[in-house]
PDB file of N, CA and C in Angstrom:
ATOM      1  N   MET A   1     -29.662 -41.210 -75.456  1.00  0.00           N
ATOM      2  CA  MET A   1     -28.639 -41.602 -76.398  1.00  0.00           C
ATOM      3  C   MET A   1     -28.295 -43.133 -76.174  1.00  0.00           C
ATOM      4  N   LYS A   2     -28.418 -43.509 -74.896  1.00  0.00           N
ATOM      5  CA  LYS A   2     -28.142 -45.008 -74.651  1.00  0.00           C
ATOM      6  C   LYS A   2     -28.913 -45.905 -75.404  1.00  0.00           C
ATOM      7  N   SER A   3     -30.218 -45.546 -75.675  1.00  0.00           N
ATOM      8  CA  SER A   3     -31.101 -46.474 -76.403  1.00  0.00           C
ATOM      9  C   SER A   3     -30.744 -46.566 -77.807  1.00  0.00           C
ATOM     10  N   GLU A   4     -30.148 -45.413 -78.462  1.00  0.00           N
ATOM     11  CA  GLU A   4     -29.523 -45.541 -79.840  1.00  0.00           C
ATOM     12  C   GLU A   4     -28.427 -46.395 -79.814  1.00  0.00           C
ATOM     13  N   ILE A   5     -27.587 -46.310 -78.944  1.00  0.00           N
ATOM     14  CA  ILE A   5     -26.438 -47.178 -78.870  1.00  0.00           C
ATOM     15  C   ILE A   5     -26.783 -48.568 -78.767  1.00  0.00           C
ATOM     16  N   ASN A   6     -27.768 -48.915 -77.952  1.00  0.00           N
ATOM     17  CA  ASN A   6     -28.237 -50.224 -77.845  1.00  0.00           C
ATOM     18  C   ASN A   6     -28.813 -50.792 -78.970  1.00  0.00           C
ATOM     19  N   LYS A   7     -29.522 -49.907 -79.770  1.00  0.00           N
ATOM     20  CA  LYS A   7     -30.034 -50.364 -80.998  1.00  0.00           C
ATOM     21  C   LYS A   7     -29.035 -50.748 -82.038  1.00  0.00           C
ATOM     22  N   LEU A   8     -28.062 -49.867 -82.012  1.00  0.00           N
ATOM     23  CA  LEU A   8     -26.846 -50.091 -82.875  1.00  0.00           C
ATOM     24  C   LEU A   8     -26.172 -51.381 -82.608  1.00  0.00           C
ATOM     25  N   ILE A   9     -26.015 -51.696 -81.394  1.00  0.00           N
ATOM     26  CA  ILE A   9     -25.348 -52.959 -80.982  1.00  0.00           C
ATOM     27  C   ILE A   9     -26.039 -54.101 -81.397  1.00  0.00           C
ATOM     28  N   LYS A  10     -27.500 -54.035 -81.151  1.00  0.00           N
ATOM     29  CA  LYS A  10     -28.334 -55.085 -81.592  1.00  0.00           C
ATOM     30  C   LYS A  10     -28.213 -55.363 -83.158  1.00  0.00           C
ATOM     31  N   VAL A  11     -28.283 -54.373 -83.819  1.00  0.00           N
ATOM     32  CA  VAL A  11     -28.065 -54.577 -85.374  1.00  0.00           C
ATOM     33  C   VAL A  11     -26.775 -54.969 -85.713  1.00  0.00           C
ATOM     34  N   ARG A  12     -25.725 -54.407 -85.149  1.00  0.00           N
ATOM     35  CA  ARG A  12     -24.309 -55.049 -85.418  1.00  0.00           C
ATOM     36  C   ARG A  12     -24.340 -56.486 -85.045  1.00  0.00           C
ATOM     37  N   ASP A  13     -24.822 -57.001 -83.967  1.00  0.00           N
ATOM     38  CA  ASP A  13     -24.736 -58.247 -83.489  1.00  0.00           C
ATOM     39  C   ASP A  13     -25.488 -59.214 -84.515  1.00  0.00           C
ATOM     40  N   LYS A  14     -26.749 -58.763 -85.120  1.00  0.00           N
ATOM     41  CA  LYS A  14     -27.467 -59.502 -85.989  1.00  0.00           C
ATOM     42  C   LYS A  14     -26.619 -59.666 -87.411  1.00  0.00           C
ATOM     43  N   ILE A  15     -25.996 -58.542 -87.728  1.00  0.00           N
ATOM     44  CA  ILE A  15     -25.151 -58.550 -88.906  1.00  0.00           C
ATOM     45  C   ILE A  15     -23.995 -59.531 -88.768  1.00  0.00           C
ATOM     46  N   ILE A  16     -23.464 -59.560 -87.575  1.00  0.00           N
ATOM     47  CA  ILE A  16     -22.234 -60.575 -87.310  1.00  0.00           C
ATOM     48  C   ILE A  16     -22.751 -61.983 -87.473  1.00  0.00           C
ATOM     49  N   GLN A  17     -23.935 -62.275 -86.980  1.00  0.00           N
ATOM     50  CA  GLN A  17     -24.441 -63.639 -86.867  1.00  0.00           C
ATOM     51  C   GLN A  17     -24.769 -63.983 -88.383  1.00  0.00           C
ATOM     52  N   LYS A  18     -25.278 -62.977 -89.193  1.00  0.00           N
ATOM     53  CA  LYS A  18     -25.454 -63.296 -90.506  1.00  0.00           C
ATOM     54  C   LYS A  18     -24.177 -63.646 -91.183  1.00  0.00           C
ATOM     55  N   VAL A  19     -23.233 -62.867 -91.023  1.00  0.00           N
ATOM     56  CA  VAL A  19     -21.862 -63.074 -91.598  1.00  0.00           C
ATOM     57  C   VAL A  19     -21.256 -64.413 -91.328  1.00  0.00           C
ATOM     58  N   GLU A  20     -21.327 -64.835 -89.959  1.00  0.00           N
ATOM     59  CA  GLU A  20     -20.894 -66.006 -89.565  1.00  0.00           C
ATOM     60  C   GLU A  20     -21.724 -67.122 -90.238  1.00  0.00           C
ATOM     61  N   LYS A  21     -23.023 -67.121 -90.364  1.00  0.00           N
ATOM     62  CA  LYS A  21     -23.978 -68.101 -91.005  1.00  0.00           C
ATOM     63  C   LYS A  21     -23.560 -68.206 -92.514  1.00  0.00           C
ATOM     64  N   ARG A  22     -23.148 -67.118 -93.175  1.00  0.00           N
ATOM     65  CA  ARG A  22     -22.847 -67.200 -94.528  1.00  0.00           C
ATOM     66  C   ARG A  22     -21.422 -67.778 -94.746  1.00  0.00           C
ATOM     67  N   ASP A  23     -20.487 -67.591 -93.750  1.00  0.00           N
ATOM     68  CA  ASP A  23     -19.285 -68.189 -93.809  1.00  0.00           C
ATOM     69  C   ASP A  23     -19.347 -69.647 -93.702  1.00  0.00           C
ATOM     70  N   LYS A  24     -20.228 -70.112 -92.820  1.00  0.00           N
ATOM     71  CA  LYS A  24     -20.355 -71.519 -92.596  1.00  0.00           C
ATOM     72  C   LYS A  24     -21.004 -72.279 -93.807  1.00  0.00           C
ATOM     73  N   VAL A  25     -21.944 -71.536 -94.567  1.00  0.00           N
ATOM     74  CA  VAL A  25     -22.530 -72.028 -95.693  1.00  0.00           C
ATOM     75  C   VAL A  25     -21.440 -72.133 -96.791  1.00  0.00           C
ATOM     76  N   ALA A  26     -20.466 -71.077 -96.816  1.00  0.00           N
ATOM     77  CA  ALA A  26     -19.468 -71.072 -97.981  1.00  0.00           C
ATOM     78  C   ALA A  26     -18.578 -72.225 -97.709  1.00  0.00           C
ATOM     79  N   LEU A  27     -18.208 -72.415 -96.478  1.00  0.00           N
ATOM     80  CA  LEU A  27     -17.113 -73.417 -96.240  1.00  0.00           C
ATOM     81  C   LEU A  27     -17.607 -74.902 -96.789  1.00  0.00           C
ATOM     82  N   ILE A  28     -18.875 -75.299 -96.892  1.00  0.00           N
ATOM     83  CA  ILE A  28     -19.273 -76.567 -97.272  1.00  0.00           C
ATOM     84  C   ILE A  28     -19.392 -76.630 -98.933  1.00  0.00           C
ATOM     85  N   ARG A  29     -19.130 -75.438 -99.579  1.00  0.00           N
ATOM     86  CA  ARG A  29     -19.205 -75.406-100.977  1.00  0.00           C
ATOM     87  C   ARG A  29     -17.835 -75.809-101.624  1.00  0.00           C
ATOM     88  N   SER A  30     -18.072 -76.292-102.851  1.00  0.00           N
ATOM     89  CA  SER A  30     -16.830 -76.614-103.576  1.00  0.00           C
ATOM     90  C   SER A  30     -15.968 -75.544-104.162  1.00  0.00           C
ATOM     91  N   ASP A  31     -14.808 -75.861-104.477  1.00  0.00           N
ATOM     92  CA  ASP A  31     -13.926 -74.781-105.194  1.00  0.00           C
ATOM     93  C   ASP A  31     -14.544 -74.310-106.457  1.00  0.00           C
ATOM     94  N   ASP A  32     -15.160 -75.170-107.314  1.00  0.00           N
ATOM     95  CA  ASP A  32     -15.961 -74.596-108.393  1.00  0.00           C
ATOM     96  C   ASP A  32     -16.887 -73.627-107.981  1.00  0.00           C
ATOM     97  N   TRP A  33     -17.594 -73.887-106.969  1.00  0.00           N
ATOM     98  CA  TRP A  33     -18.538 -72.805-106.557  1.00  0.00           C
ATOM     99  C   TRP A  33     -18.010 -71.497-106.116  1.00  0.00           C
ATOM    100  N   TYR A  34     -16.849 -71.549-105.559  1.00  0.00           N
ATOM    101  CA  TYR A  34     -16.168 -70.273-105.149  1.00  0.00           C
ATOM    102  C   TYR A  34     -15.591 -69.526-106.504  1.00  0.00           C
ATOM    103  N   GLN A  35     -15.343 -70.278-107.319  1.00  0.00           N
ATOM    104  CA  GLN A  35     -14.895 -69.529-108.673  1.00  0.00           C
ATOM    105  C   GLN A  35     -15.989 -69.164-109.482  1.00  0.00           C
ATOM    106  N   SER A  36     -17.244 -69.607-109.279  1.00  0.00           N
ATOM    107  CA  SER A  36     -18.363 -69.197-109.983  1.00  0.00           C
ATOM    108  C   SER A  36     -18.942 -67.869-109.836  1.00  0.00           C
ATOM    109  N   SER A  37     -19.716 -67.261-110.602  1.00  0.00           N
ATOM    110  CA  SER A  37     -20.205 -65.943-110.299  1.00  0.00           C
ATOM    111  C   SER A  37     -21.016 -65.726-109.023  1.00  0.00           C
ATOM    112  N   LYS A  38     -21.854 -66.974-108.716  1.00  0.00           N
ATOM    113  CA  LYS A  38     -22.627 -67.015-107.425  1.00  0.00           C
ATOM    114  C   LYS A  38     -21.708 -66.948-106.196  1.00  0.00           C
ATOM    115  N   GLY A  39     -20.677 -67.772-106.394  1.00  0.00           N
ATOM    116  CA  GLY A  39     -19.587 -67.749-105.154  1.00  0.00           C
ATOM    117  C   GLY A  39     -18.908 -66.495-105.010  1.00  0.00           C
ATOM    118  N   LYS A  40     -18.454 -65.733-106.049  1.00  0.00           N
ATOM    119  CA  LYS A  40     -17.827 -64.484-105.992  1.00  0.00           C
ATOM    120  C   LYS A  40     -18.783 -63.458-105.487  1.00  0.00           C
ATOM    121  N   GLN A  41     -20.030 -63.492-105.810  1.00  0.00           N
ATOM    122  CA  GLN A  41     -21.013 -62.647-105.390  1.00  0.00           C
ATOM    123  C   GLN A  41     -21.280 -62.873-103.907  1.00  0.00           C
ATOM    124  N   HIS A  42     -21.359 -64.043-103.427  1.00  0.00           N
ATOM    125  CA  HIS A  42     -21.594 -64.529-102.123  1.00  0.00           C
ATOM    126  C   HIS A  42     -20.355 -63.847-101.252  1.00  0.00           C
ATOM    127  N   GLU A  43     -19.242 -63.987-101.706  1.00  0.00           N
ATOM    128  CA  GLU A  43     -17.998 -63.412-100.931  1.00  0.00           C
ATOM    129  C   GLU A  43     -18.059 -61.869-100.906  1.00  0.00           C
ATOM    130  N   ALA A  44     -18.566 -61.281-102.030  1.00  0.00           N
ATOM    131  CA  ALA A  44     -18.517 -59.728-102.122  1.00  0.00           C
ATOM    132  C   ALA A  44     -19.620 -59.212-101.070  1.00  0.00           C
ATOM    133  N   VAL A  45     -20.801 -59.963-101.063  1.00  0.00           N
ATOM    134  CA  VAL A  45     -21.806 -59.358-100.075  1.00  0.00           C
ATOM    135  C   VAL A  45     -21.313 -59.709 -98.742  1.00  0.00           C
ATOM    136  N   THR A  46     -20.728 -60.763 -98.480  1.00  0.00           N
ATOM    137  CA  THR A  46     -20.311 -61.259 -97.039  1.00  0.00           C
ATOM    138  C   THR A  46     -19.256 -60.110 -96.625  1.00  0.00           C
ATOM    139  N   GLY A  47     -18.482 -59.684 -97.589  1.00  0.00           N
ATOM    140  CA  GLY A  47     -17.336 -58.677 -97.289  1.00  0.00           C
ATOM    141  C   GLY A  47     -18.018 -57.456 -96.908  1.00  0.00           C
ATOM    142  N   LYS A  48     -19.162 -57.098 -97.708  1.00  0.00           N
ATOM    143  CA  LYS A  48     -19.765 -55.796 -97.519  1.00  0.00           C
ATOM    144  C   LYS A  48     -20.558 -55.751 -96.055  1.00  0.00           C
ATOM    145  N   LEU A  49     -20.947 -56.908 -95.867  1.00  0.00           N
ATOM    146  CA  LEU A  49     -21.709 -56.990 -94.505  1.00  0.00           C
ATOM    147  C   LEU A  49     -20.666 -56.817 -93.432  1.00  0.00           C
ATOM    148  N   ALA A  50     -19.452 -57.402 -93.560  1.00  0.00           N
ATOM    149  CA  ALA A  50     -18.433 -57.329 -92.594  1.00  0.00           C
ATOM    150  C   ALA A  50     -17.947 -55.926 -92.416  1.00  0.00           C
ATOM    151  N   ASP A  51     -17.841 -55.314 -93.540  1.00  0.00           N
ATOM    152  CA  ASP A  51     -17.374 -53.822 -93.565  1.00  0.00           C
ATOM    153  C   ASP A  51     -18.570 -53.024 -92.757  1.00  0.00           C
ATOM    154  N   ALA A  52     -19.699 -53.417 -92.948  1.00  0.00           N
ATOM    155  CA  ALA A  52     -20.910 -52.631 -92.366  1.00  0.00           C
ATOM    156  C   ALA A  52     -20.789 -52.850 -90.723  1.00  0.00           C
ATOM    157  N   THR A  53     -20.282 -53.882 -90.291  1.00  0.00           N
ATOM    158  CA  THR A  53     -20.152 -54.113 -88.858  1.00  0.00           C
ATOM    159  C   THR A  53     -19.086 -53.108 -88.465  1.00  0.00           C
ATOM    160  N   GLU A  54     -18.043 -52.962 -89.068  1.00  0.00           N
ATOM    161  CA  GLU A  54     -17.036 -51.992 -88.686  1.00  0.00           C
ATOM    162  C   GLU A  54     -17.388 -50.582 -88.645  1.00  0.00           C
ATOM    163  N   SER A  55     -18.320 -50.109 -89.657  1.00  0.00           N
ATOM    164  CA  SER A  55     -18.789 -48.936 -89.696  1.00  0.00           C
ATOM    165  C   SER A  55     -19.679 -48.637 -88.510  1.00  0.00           C
ATOM    166  N   ILE A  56     -20.533 -49.635 -88.073  1.00  0.00           N
ATOM    167  CA  ILE A  56     -21.346 -49.619 -86.868  1.00  0.00           C
ATOM    168  C   ILE A  56     -20.678 -49.547 -85.616  1.00  0.00           C
ATOM    169  N   LYS A  57     -19.545 -50.348 -85.620  1.00  0.00           N
ATOM    170  CA  LYS A  57     -18.626 -50.297 -84.365  1.00  0.00           C
ATOM    171  C   LYS A  57     -18.223 -48.781 -84.150  1.00  0.00           C
ATOM    172  N   GLU A  58     -17.636 -48.095 -85.227  1.00  0.00           N
ATOM    173  CA  GLU A  58     -17.135 -46.803 -85.121  1.00  0.00           C
ATOM    174  C   GLU A  58     -18.187 -45.856 -84.718  1.00  0.00           C
ATOM    175  N   ALA A  59     -19.414 -45.962 -85.302  1.00  0.00           N
ATOM    176  CA  ALA A  59     -20.515 -45.080 -84.987  1.00  0.00           C
ATOM    177  C   ALA A  59     -20.901 -45.347 -83.448  1.00  0.00           C
ATOM    178  N   ILE A  60     -20.752 -46.536 -82.967  1.00  0.00           N
ATOM    179  CA  ILE A  60     -21.053 -46.700 -81.402  1.00  0.00           C
ATOM    180  C   ILE A  60     -20.017 -46.165 -80.668  1.00  0.00           C
ATOM    181  N   LYS A  61     -18.856 -46.225 -81.018  1.00  0.00           N
ATOM    182  CA  LYS A  61     -17.711 -45.464 -80.215  1.00  0.00           C
ATOM    183  C   LYS A  61     -17.907 -44.026 -80.182  1.00  0.00           C
ATOM    184  N   GLU A  62     -18.178 -43.417 -81.458  1.00  0.00           N
ATOM    185  CA  GLU A  62     -18.447 -42.049 -81.428  1.00  0.00           C
ATOM    186  C   GLU A  62     -19.592 -41.532 -80.587  1.00  0.00           C
ATOM    187  N   LEU A  63     -20.721 -42.354 -80.564  1.00  0.00           N
ATOM    188  CA  LEU A  63     -21.815 -41.913 -79.872  1.00  0.00           C
ATOM    189  C   LEU A  63     -21.517 -42.033 -78.250  1.00  0.00           C
ATOM    190  N   GLU A  64     -20.681 -43.132 -77.915  1.00  0.00           N
ATOM    191  CA  GLU A  64     -20.358 -43.437 -76.350  1.00  0.00           C
ATOM    192  C   GLU A  64     -19.482 -42.237 -76.010  1.00  0.00           C
ATOM    193  N   ASN A  65     -18.637 -41.713 -76.895  1.00  0.00           N
ATOM    194  CA  ASN A  65     -17.845 -40.467 -76.575  1.00  0.00           C
ATOM    195  C   ASN A  65     -18.769 -39.290 -76.248  1.00  0.00           C
ATOM    196  N   ILE A  66     -19.618 -39.020 -77.183  1.00  0.00           N
ATOM    197  CA  ILE A  66     -20.585 -37.914 -76.936  1.00  0.00           C
ATOM    198  C   ILE A  66     -21.504 -38.082 -75.563  1.00  0.00           C
ATOM    199  N   ALA A  67     -21.888 -39.263 -75.261  1.00  0.00           N
ATOM    200  CA  ALA A  67     -22.779 -39.367 -74.227  1.00  0.00           C
ATOM    201  C   ALA A  67     -22.167 -39.489 -72.756  1.00  0.00           C
TER     202      ALA A  67
END
């Protein structure tokens, strides 16, 4: 069970890094870009990735309670 938890932690950490990188990229963009379809799509995908990290955190906690 510990190996599965470690794998989930690694996946979570990779997604967090990706979200942080996407946030940095978005910060250098103009306001017009934020209002464009690409900007809105970028924000939506980044939000979904952030939500996924929360789901993974919950799964890790549940597995730790079982183990």
